Amino acid sequence: MWDGPRLLMTQRAEGGALGLQWEFPGGKLEGDETAEQAIVREVREELGVIATPFEVVKRVAHDYPHGTRVELTFVRCTLDSYEFTLSDEVNDARWQVPADIDVAQVLEADRDFLRELGAK
């Protein structure tokens, strides 16, 4: 999600190996969902707002050291509201300019894409 030069980042809830790390909103595909359908569902579940997807920006695969492989699809979206109702899975949500994002606090799988956008 972009708001001018800013990106929407969410912070995972506390707990687990990846707790309190920042990431792009979204999650796993369910059933036969497309990436666009999944982002609409996930944003509604995580933030309580409606996303409108426009285009796939990038696809990446990442292997975590603990053995999990993820395939990410970054989708450009707009939101119907910036008044979020955070689910229990989300600790915080912030709009940030990529250059101000510390990638050390972001999930590994999102880091290269953020660097492409200007994060440190």
N, C-alpha and C. Protein backbone atom coordinates (compact mmCIF):
# COMPACT_ATOMS: atom_id res chain seq x y z
N MET A 1 0.83 -1.16 0.00
CA MET A 1 0.00 0.00 0.00
C MET A 1 0.89 1.24 0.00
N TRP A 2 0.62 2.13 -0.91
CA TRP A 2 1.35 3.38 -0.98
C TRP A 2 0.41 4.53 -0.64
N ASP A 3 0.94 5.52 0.03
CA ASP A 3 0.26 6.79 0.27
C ASP A 3 1.28 7.84 -0.12
N GLY A 4 1.25 8.26 -1.38
CA GLY A 4 2.29 9.14 -1.88
C GLY A 4 3.62 8.41 -1.81
N PRO A 5 4.61 9.00 -1.13
CA PRO A 5 5.93 8.34 -1.03
C PRO A 5 6.02 7.31 0.08
N ARG A 6 4.96 7.18 0.89
CA ARG A 6 5.02 6.28 2.04
C ARG A 6 4.43 4.92 1.74
N LEU A 7 4.98 3.90 2.44
CA LEU A 7 4.49 2.53 2.36
C LEU A 7 3.85 2.16 3.69
N LEU A 8 2.85 1.31 3.63
CA LEU A 8 2.25 0.80 4.86
C LEU A 8 2.98 -0.46 5.29
N MET A 9 3.47 -0.45 6.53
CA MET A 9 4.14 -1.60 7.12
C MET A 9 3.36 -1.99 8.37
N THR A 10 3.30 -3.29 8.64
CA THR A 10 2.66 -3.77 9.86
C THR A 10 3.67 -4.53 10.69
N GLN A 11 3.49 -4.48 11.99
CA GLN A 11 4.38 -5.19 12.91
C GLN A 11 3.65 -6.41 13.45
N ARG A 12 4.31 -7.55 13.33
CA ARG A 12 3.71 -8.79 13.83
C ARG A 12 3.51 -8.73 15.34
N ALA A 13 2.54 -9.47 15.81
CA ALA A 13 2.31 -9.56 17.25
C ALA A 13 3.52 -10.20 17.93
N GLU A 14 3.63 -9.96 19.21
CA GLU A 14 4.73 -10.52 20.00
C GLU A 14 4.59 -12.04 20.06
N GLY A 15 5.73 -12.72 20.10
CA GLY A 15 5.73 -14.18 20.22
C GLY A 15 6.23 -14.85 18.95
N GLY A 16 6.82 -15.99 19.10
CA GLY A 16 7.33 -16.73 17.96
C GLY A 16 8.65 -16.18 17.47
N ALA A 17 9.25 -16.90 16.55
CA ALA A 17 10.57 -16.53 16.04
C ALA A 17 10.56 -15.20 15.28
N LEU A 18 9.42 -14.82 14.72
CA LEU A 18 9.35 -13.61 13.91
C LEU A 18 8.50 -12.52 14.56
N GLY A 19 8.21 -12.67 15.85
CA GLY A 19 7.40 -11.70 16.57
C GLY A 19 8.04 -10.32 16.60
N LEU A 20 7.19 -9.30 16.50
CA LEU A 20 7.53 -7.89 16.54
C LEU A 20 8.37 -7.41 15.35
N GLN A 21 8.53 -8.25 14.34
CA GLN A 21 9.20 -7.80 13.13
C GLN A 21 8.18 -7.12 12.23
N TRP A 22 8.66 -6.19 11.42
CA TRP A 22 7.82 -5.45 10.50
C TRP A 22 7.73 -6.19 9.17
N GLU A 23 6.63 -6.00 8.47
CA GLU A 23 6.40 -6.64 7.19
C GLU A 23 5.37 -5.85 6.40
N PHE A 24 5.23 -6.21 5.14
CA PHE A 24 4.14 -5.67 4.36
C PHE A 24 2.85 -6.38 4.79
N PRO A 25 1.72 -5.70 4.78
CA PRO A 25 0.46 -6.37 5.11
C PRO A 25 0.21 -7.51 4.11
N GLY A 26 -0.45 -8.54 4.57
CA GLY A 26 -0.78 -9.65 3.69
C GLY A 26 -0.58 -10.97 4.40
N GLY A 27 -0.61 -12.03 3.64
CA GLY A 27 -0.44 -13.35 4.23
C GLY A 27 -0.59 -14.45 3.21
N LYS A 28 -0.86 -15.63 3.71
CA LYS A 28 -0.92 -16.82 2.87
C LYS A 28 -2.17 -16.86 2.00
N LEU A 29 -1.99 -17.44 0.81
CA LEU A 29 -3.13 -17.70 -0.06
C LEU A 29 -3.96 -18.83 0.53
N GLU A 30 -5.27 -18.72 0.38
CA GLU A 30 -6.16 -19.79 0.82
C GLU A 30 -6.86 -20.38 -0.40
N GLY A 31 -6.86 -21.70 -0.48
CA GLY A 31 -7.54 -22.38 -1.59
C GLY A 31 -7.01 -21.94 -2.93
N ASP A 32 -7.92 -21.54 -3.81
CA ASP A 32 -7.57 -21.12 -5.17
C ASP A 32 -7.44 -19.61 -5.31
N GLU A 33 -7.22 -18.90 -4.22
CA GLU A 33 -7.11 -17.45 -4.27
C GLU A 33 -5.96 -16.99 -5.16
N THR A 34 -6.17 -15.85 -5.79
CA THR A 34 -5.08 -15.14 -6.44
C THR A 34 -4.41 -14.25 -5.40
N ALA A 35 -3.25 -13.72 -5.73
CA ALA A 35 -2.57 -12.79 -4.82
C ALA A 35 -3.44 -11.57 -4.54
N GLU A 36 -4.15 -11.11 -5.56
CA GLU A 36 -5.02 -9.94 -5.40
C GLU A 36 -6.18 -10.24 -4.47
N GLN A 37 -6.78 -11.41 -4.59
CA GLN A 37 -7.87 -11.79 -3.69
C GLN A 37 -7.36 -11.96 -2.26
N ALA A 38 -6.18 -12.52 -2.11
CA ALA A 38 -5.62 -12.74 -0.77
C ALA A 38 -5.32 -11.43 -0.07
N ILE A 39 -4.80 -10.43 -0.79
CA ILE A 39 -4.47 -9.17 -0.13
C ILE A 39 -5.75 -8.47 0.33
N VAL A 40 -6.82 -8.57 -0.44
CA VAL A 40 -8.10 -7.97 -0.02
C VAL A 40 -8.56 -8.64 1.28
N ARG A 41 -8.55 -9.96 1.31
CA ARG A 41 -9.00 -10.70 2.50
C ARG A 41 -8.09 -10.41 3.69
N GLU A 42 -6.78 -10.50 3.49
CA GLU A 42 -5.83 -10.31 4.59
C GLU A 42 -5.89 -8.90 5.18
N VAL A 43 -5.98 -7.89 4.34
CA VAL A 43 -6.06 -6.51 4.84
C VAL A 43 -7.34 -6.30 5.63
N ARG A 44 -8.43 -6.88 5.16
CA ARG A 44 -9.70 -6.78 5.92
C ARG A 44 -9.55 -7.46 7.28
N GLU A 45 -8.94 -8.67 7.30
CA GLU A 45 -8.77 -9.40 8.55
C GLU A 45 -7.79 -8.72 9.50
N GLU A 46 -6.66 -8.24 8.97
CA GLU A 46 -5.59 -7.68 9.81
C GLU A 46 -5.82 -6.23 10.22
N LEU A 47 -6.43 -5.43 9.32
CA LEU A 47 -6.53 -4.00 9.56
C LEU A 47 -7.96 -3.47 9.58
N GLY A 48 -8.93 -4.29 9.18
CA GLY A 48 -10.32 -3.88 9.22
C GLY A 48 -10.71 -2.86 8.16
N VAL A 49 -9.97 -2.80 7.04
CA VAL A 49 -10.30 -1.88 5.95
C VAL A 49 -10.31 -2.66 4.64
N ILE A 50 -10.79 -2.02 3.59
CA ILE A 50 -10.89 -2.67 2.29
C ILE A 50 -9.77 -2.19 1.39
N ALA A 51 -9.03 -3.15 0.83
CA ALA A 51 -7.97 -2.85 -0.13
C ALA A 51 -8.50 -3.04 -1.54
N THR A 52 -8.05 -2.18 -2.44
CA THR A 52 -8.34 -2.34 -3.86
C THR A 52 -7.01 -2.59 -4.56
N PRO A 53 -6.78 -3.81 -5.05
CA PRO A 53 -5.52 -4.12 -5.72
C PRO A 53 -5.50 -3.57 -7.15
N PHE A 54 -4.30 -3.12 -7.60
CA PHE A 54 -4.16 -2.58 -8.94
C PHE A 54 -3.21 -3.38 -9.82
N GLU A 55 -2.05 -3.72 -9.30
CA GLU A 55 -1.08 -4.43 -10.12
C GLU A 55 -0.10 -5.20 -9.25
N VAL A 56 0.39 -6.30 -9.80
CA VAL A 56 1.49 -7.03 -9.16
C VAL A 56 2.76 -6.25 -9.48
N VAL A 57 3.52 -5.90 -8.44
CA VAL A 57 4.73 -5.12 -8.59
C VAL A 57 5.95 -6.02 -8.71
N LYS A 58 5.98 -7.09 -7.93
CA LYS A 58 7.16 -7.96 -7.92
C LYS A 58 6.78 -9.30 -7.29
N ARG A 59 7.48 -10.35 -7.71
CA ARG A 59 7.36 -11.67 -7.11
C ARG A 59 8.76 -12.11 -6.70
N VAL A 60 8.87 -12.65 -5.48
CA VAL A 60 10.16 -13.14 -5.00
C VAL A 60 9.96 -14.43 -4.21
N ALA A 61 11.02 -15.22 -4.15
CA ALA A 61 11.05 -16.41 -3.30
C ALA A 61 12.17 -16.21 -2.30
N HIS A 62 11.96 -16.70 -1.07
CA HIS A 62 12.97 -16.54 -0.02
C HIS A 62 13.01 -17.80 0.84
N ASP A 63 14.22 -18.26 1.12
CA ASP A 63 14.43 -19.40 2.01
C ASP A 63 14.94 -18.89 3.34
N TYR A 64 14.16 -19.11 4.41
CA TYR A 64 14.58 -18.72 5.75
C TYR A 64 15.57 -19.75 6.29
N PRO A 65 16.50 -19.32 7.15
CA PRO A 65 17.49 -20.24 7.72
C PRO A 65 16.87 -21.42 8.48
N HIS A 66 15.68 -21.23 9.07
CA HIS A 66 15.04 -22.31 9.82
C HIS A 66 14.32 -23.31 8.91
N GLY A 67 14.42 -23.12 7.58
CA GLY A 67 13.92 -24.11 6.65
C GLY A 67 12.64 -23.76 5.92
N THR A 68 11.98 -22.69 6.28
CA THR A 68 10.74 -22.31 5.61
C THR A 68 11.04 -21.55 4.33
N ARG A 69 10.37 -21.93 3.25
CA ARG A 69 10.49 -21.22 1.98
C ARG A 69 9.17 -20.47 1.76
N VAL A 70 9.28 -19.20 1.40
CA VAL A 70 8.09 -18.40 1.12
C VAL A 70 8.20 -17.82 -0.29
N GLU A 71 7.07 -17.69 -0.92
CA GLU A 71 6.98 -17.02 -2.21
C GLU A 71 6.05 -15.82 -2.02
N LEU A 72 6.60 -14.63 -2.26
CA LEU A 72 5.85 -13.40 -2.02
C LEU A 72 5.47 -12.74 -3.33
N THR A 73 4.28 -12.17 -3.32
CA THR A 73 3.81 -11.35 -4.44
C THR A 73 3.45 -9.99 -3.86
N PHE A 74 4.16 -8.97 -4.31
CA PHE A 74 3.89 -7.61 -3.84
C PHE A 74 2.88 -6.98 -4.79
N VAL A 75 1.75 -6.53 -4.23
CA VAL A 75 0.64 -6.00 -5.01
C VAL A 75 0.41 -4.54 -4.61
N ARG A 76 0.39 -3.66 -5.60
CA ARG A 76 0.08 -2.25 -5.34
C ARG A 76 -1.41 -2.12 -5.09
N CYS A 77 -1.78 -1.48 -3.97
CA CYS A 77 -3.19 -1.34 -3.57
C CYS A 77 -3.46 0.06 -3.06
N THR A 78 -4.73 0.38 -3.01
CA THR A 78 -5.19 1.54 -2.25
C THR A 78 -6.14 1.02 -1.18
N LEU A 79 -6.40 1.86 -0.18
CA LEU A 79 -7.29 1.48 0.92
C LEU A 79 -8.49 2.42 0.96
N ASP A 80 -9.61 1.90 1.44
CA ASP A 80 -10.80 2.74 1.54
C ASP A 80 -10.77 3.63 2.77
N SER A 81 -9.87 3.34 3.72
CA SER A 81 -9.78 4.12 4.95
C SER A 81 -8.40 3.93 5.57
N TYR A 82 -7.98 4.93 6.32
CA TYR A 82 -6.73 4.83 7.08
C TYR A 82 -7.03 4.67 8.57
N GLU A 83 -8.28 4.43 8.90
CA GLU A 83 -8.70 4.18 10.27
C GLU A 83 -8.67 2.68 10.50
N PHE A 84 -7.56 2.18 11.04
CA PHE A 84 -7.36 0.74 11.17
C PHE A 84 -7.91 0.20 12.49
N THR A 85 -8.43 -1.01 12.42
CA THR A 85 -8.78 -1.80 13.60
C THR A 85 -7.87 -3.01 13.55
N LEU A 86 -6.79 -2.97 14.35
CA LEU A 86 -5.77 -4.01 14.28
C LEU A 86 -6.27 -5.33 14.86
N SER A 87 -6.00 -6.42 14.15
CA SER A 87 -6.33 -7.75 14.66
C SER A 87 -5.30 -8.14 15.72
N ASP A 88 -5.53 -9.27 16.37
CA ASP A 88 -4.58 -9.77 17.37
C ASP A 88 -3.24 -10.16 16.76
N GLU A 89 -3.20 -10.35 15.45
CA GLU A 89 -1.96 -10.73 14.76
C GLU A 89 -1.07 -9.54 14.45
N VAL A 90 -1.59 -8.32 14.63
CA VAL A 90 -0.86 -7.11 14.28
C VAL A 90 -0.65 -6.27 15.53
N ASN A 91 0.62 -5.98 15.83
CA ASN A 91 0.95 -5.16 16.99
C ASN A 91 0.85 -3.67 16.68
N ASP A 92 1.22 -3.29 15.44
CA ASP A 92 1.23 -1.88 15.08
C ASP A 92 1.18 -1.78 13.55
N ALA A 93 0.80 -0.61 13.05
CA ALA A 93 0.81 -0.32 11.61
C ALA A 93 1.32 1.10 11.44
N ARG A 94 2.20 1.29 10.45
CA ARG A 94 2.80 2.62 10.22
C ARG A 94 2.97 2.88 8.74
N TRP A 95 2.78 4.14 8.37
CA TRP A 95 3.15 4.61 7.04
C TRP A 95 4.57 5.12 7.15
N GLN A 96 5.46 4.63 6.28
CA GLN A 96 6.86 5.01 6.35
C GLN A 96 7.43 5.26 4.96
N VAL A 97 8.29 6.25 4.86
CA VAL A 97 9.07 6.48 3.64
C VAL A 97 10.15 5.40 3.61
N PRO A 98 10.35 4.72 2.48
CA PRO A 98 11.33 3.63 2.44
C PRO A 98 12.71 4.00 2.99
N ALA A 99 13.20 5.20 2.72
CA ALA A 99 14.52 5.60 3.20
C ALA A 99 14.61 5.63 4.72
N ASP A 100 13.47 5.72 5.41
CA ASP A 100 13.46 5.76 6.87
C ASP A 100 13.27 4.39 7.51
N ILE A 101 13.14 3.35 6.71
CA ILE A 101 12.89 2.00 7.24
C ILE A 101 14.22 1.31 7.51
N ASP A 102 14.37 0.81 8.72
CA ASP A 102 15.54 0.02 9.10
C ASP A 102 15.25 -1.43 8.75
N VAL A 103 15.86 -1.93 7.68
CA VAL A 103 15.53 -3.28 7.22
C VAL A 103 15.90 -4.36 8.23
N ALA A 104 16.75 -4.05 9.19
CA ALA A 104 17.09 -5.04 10.22
C ALA A 104 15.87 -5.38 11.08
N GLN A 105 14.85 -4.53 11.08
CA GLN A 105 13.64 -4.77 11.87
C GLN A 105 12.51 -5.35 11.02
N VAL A 106 12.82 -5.69 9.77
CA VAL A 106 11.82 -6.17 8.82
C VAL A 106 12.08 -7.65 8.52
N LEU A 107 11.04 -8.41 8.24
CA LEU A 107 11.20 -9.80 7.86
C LEU A 107 12.19 -9.92 6.70
N GLU A 108 13.05 -10.92 6.78
CA GLU A 108 14.09 -11.11 5.76
C GLU A 108 13.52 -11.13 4.34
N ALA A 109 12.40 -11.79 4.16
CA ALA A 109 11.84 -11.95 2.81
C ALA A 109 11.44 -10.61 2.18
N ASP A 110 11.18 -9.59 2.98
CA ASP A 110 10.78 -8.27 2.47
C ASP A 110 11.97 -7.33 2.24
N ARG A 111 13.12 -7.66 2.74
CA ARG A 111 14.26 -6.72 2.79
C ARG A 111 14.77 -6.29 1.42
N ASP A 112 14.99 -7.22 0.51
CA ASP A 112 15.55 -6.84 -0.80
C ASP A 112 14.61 -5.91 -1.55
N PHE A 113 13.32 -6.19 -1.50
CA PHE A 113 12.36 -5.32 -2.17
C PHE A 113 12.38 -3.93 -1.54
N LEU A 114 12.44 -3.87 -0.22
CA LEU A 114 12.52 -2.57 0.45
C LEU A 114 13.78 -1.81 0.06
N ARG A 115 14.90 -2.53 -0.06
CA ARG A 115 16.14 -1.88 -0.48
C ARG A 115 16.00 -1.31 -1.89
N GLU A 116 15.32 -2.03 -2.77
CA GLU A 116 15.07 -1.53 -4.12
C GLU A 116 14.29 -0.23 -4.10
N LEU A 117 13.44 -0.09 -3.07
CA LEU A 117 12.61 1.12 -2.94
C LEU A 117 13.32 2.24 -2.18
N GLY A 118 14.55 1.97 -1.68
CA GLY A 118 15.33 3.01 -1.02
C GLY A 118 15.55 2.83 0.46
N ALA A 119 15.14 1.71 1.04
CA ALA A 119 15.38 1.47 2.47
C ALA A 119 16.86 1.20 2.71
N LYS A 120 17.28 1.40 3.96
CA LYS A 120 18.69 1.20 4.32
C LYS A 120 18.95 -0.20 4.79
